[in-house]
Amino acid sequence: MPLLYNFDIDTVEELLVILARNIQKRRLEKGLSREALTELSGVPTPTIAKFEQKHTISLASYVALAKALGYTKAIKELLSEPLYSTMEELEIIHKNKNRKKGA
């Protein structure tokens, strides 16, 4: 279902850049080298470097890095609540939630 109002102008690449920068910032704030983060996360150092520089990584590796940096709760909360843009969309979400409860 298309959204009537979509003011989200960020591209996928721009969002990947933000995610990579945030991981790097959190790593540096904790005083961790890429090698130290490898030890904590199990994600190979070249993968961490590639993510920080080229913004590409598997979802499993991203989650492992976030978990190693203490962001398990934030990962669990990602997409945990429905978003809506119109009252019609909210009604559909509510109806589908109720249908699942009765199933």
Protein backbone atom coordinates (compact mmCIF):
# COMPACT_ATOMS: atom_id res chain seq x y z
CA MET A 1 0.00 0.00 0.00
CA PRO A 2 1.59 3.31 -1.01
CA LEU A 3 1.87 5.99 1.61
CA LEU A 4 0.08 9.23 0.87
CA TYR A 5 2.69 11.35 2.61
CA ASN A 6 6.30 10.34 2.36
CA PHE A 7 8.79 13.05 3.23
CA ASP A 8 11.63 10.58 3.68
CA ILE A 9 14.24 11.78 1.22
CA ASP A 10 17.19 9.76 2.54
CA THR A 11 18.56 7.25 0.07
CA VAL A 12 19.57 3.73 1.08
CA GLU A 13 23.22 4.70 0.60
CA GLU A 14 22.83 7.74 2.86
CA LEU A 15 21.29 5.55 5.56
CA LEU A 16 24.13 3.02 5.23
CA VAL A 17 26.65 5.84 5.65
CA ILE A 18 24.88 6.93 8.85
CA LEU A 19 24.84 3.36 10.22
CA ALA A 20 28.55 2.90 9.44
CA ARG A 21 29.47 6.25 11.02
CA ASN A 22 27.45 5.42 14.12
CA ILE A 23 29.18 2.06 14.57
CA GLN A 24 32.56 3.73 14.11
CA LYS A 25 31.70 6.52 16.59
CA ARG A 26 30.52 4.04 19.23
CA ARG A 27 33.66 1.92 18.69
CA LEU A 28 35.95 4.93 19.07
CA GLU A 29 34.05 6.28 22.11
CA LYS A 30 34.76 3.00 23.85
CA GLY A 31 38.42 3.23 22.84
CA LEU A 32 38.23 0.06 20.78
CA SER A 33 40.39 -0.70 17.79
CA ARG A 34 38.87 -2.66 14.93
CA GLU A 35 40.83 -5.65 16.15
CA ALA A 36 39.39 -5.33 19.66
CA LEU A 37 35.88 -5.09 18.21
CA THR A 38 36.64 -8.23 16.19
CA GLU A 39 37.45 -10.04 19.44
CA LEU A 40 34.20 -8.89 21.03
CA SER A 41 31.93 -9.46 18.03
CA GLY A 42 33.47 -12.25 15.99
CA VAL A 43 33.22 -10.02 12.90
CA PRO A 44 36.52 -10.08 10.95
CA THR A 45 38.57 -6.88 11.06
CA PRO A 46 38.52 -6.47 7.25
CA THR A 47 34.70 -6.62 7.36
CA ILE A 48 34.61 -3.86 9.97
CA ALA A 49 37.03 -1.75 7.90
CA LYS A 50 34.99 -2.30 4.74
CA PHE A 51 31.79 -1.28 6.53
CA GLU A 52 33.35 1.87 7.96
CA GLN A 53 34.85 2.82 4.59
CA LYS A 54 32.46 1.46 1.95
CA HIS A 55 29.28 1.06 4.03
CA THR A 56 28.55 -2.55 3.08
CA ILE A 57 27.99 -5.36 5.58
CA SER A 58 25.73 -8.34 6.11
CA LEU A 59 22.84 -7.96 8.49
CA ALA A 60 24.26 -10.71 10.72
CA SER A 61 27.59 -8.87 10.99
CA TYR A 62 25.88 -5.55 11.69
CA VAL A 63 23.84 -7.11 14.48
CA ALA A 64 26.96 -8.75 15.92
CA LEU A 65 28.76 -5.38 15.98
CA ALA A 66 25.79 -3.61 17.56
CA LYS A 67 25.48 -6.37 20.17
CA ALA A 68 29.21 -6.22 20.98
CA LEU A 69 28.89 -2.45 21.48
CA GLY A 70 25.97 -2.87 23.88
CA TYR A 71 23.06 -2.08 21.56
CA THR A 72 21.09 -5.34 21.80
CA LYS A 73 18.00 -3.53 23.13
CA ALA A 74 18.08 -0.99 20.29
CA ILE A 75 18.31 -3.78 17.71
CA LYS A 76 15.36 -5.59 19.30
CA GLU A 77 13.31 -2.39 19.26
CA LEU A 78 14.01 -1.65 15.59
CA LEU A 79 10.70 -1.96 13.69
CA SER A 80 8.99 -3.29 16.83
CA GLU A 81 6.13 -0.78 16.66
CA PRO A 82 3.97 -0.07 13.62
CA LEU A 83 4.19 3.32 11.96
CA TYR A 84 1.34 4.90 10.07
CA SER A 85 0.88 8.00 7.95
CA THR A 86 -2.89 8.18 7.66
CA MET A 87 -5.87 7.24 9.80
CA GLU A 88 -6.82 4.67 7.15
CA GLU A 89 -3.46 2.99 7.50
CA LEU A 90 -3.79 3.01 11.31
CA GLU A 91 -7.20 1.34 11.02
CA ILE A 92 -5.76 -1.37 8.74
CA ILE A 93 -2.88 -2.01 11.17
CA HIS A 94 -5.30 -2.20 14.10
CA LYS A 95 -7.63 -4.56 12.20
CA ASN A 96 -4.73 -6.85 11.23
CA LYS A 97 -3.43 -6.92 14.82
CA ASN A 98 -6.85 -7.98 16.08
CA ARG A 99 -7.13 -10.62 13.36
CA LYS A 100 -3.80 -12.17 14.44
CA LYS A 101 -4.92 -12.29 18.08
CA GLY A 102 -8.01 -14.26 17.12
CA ALA A 103 -6.14 -16.65 14.82
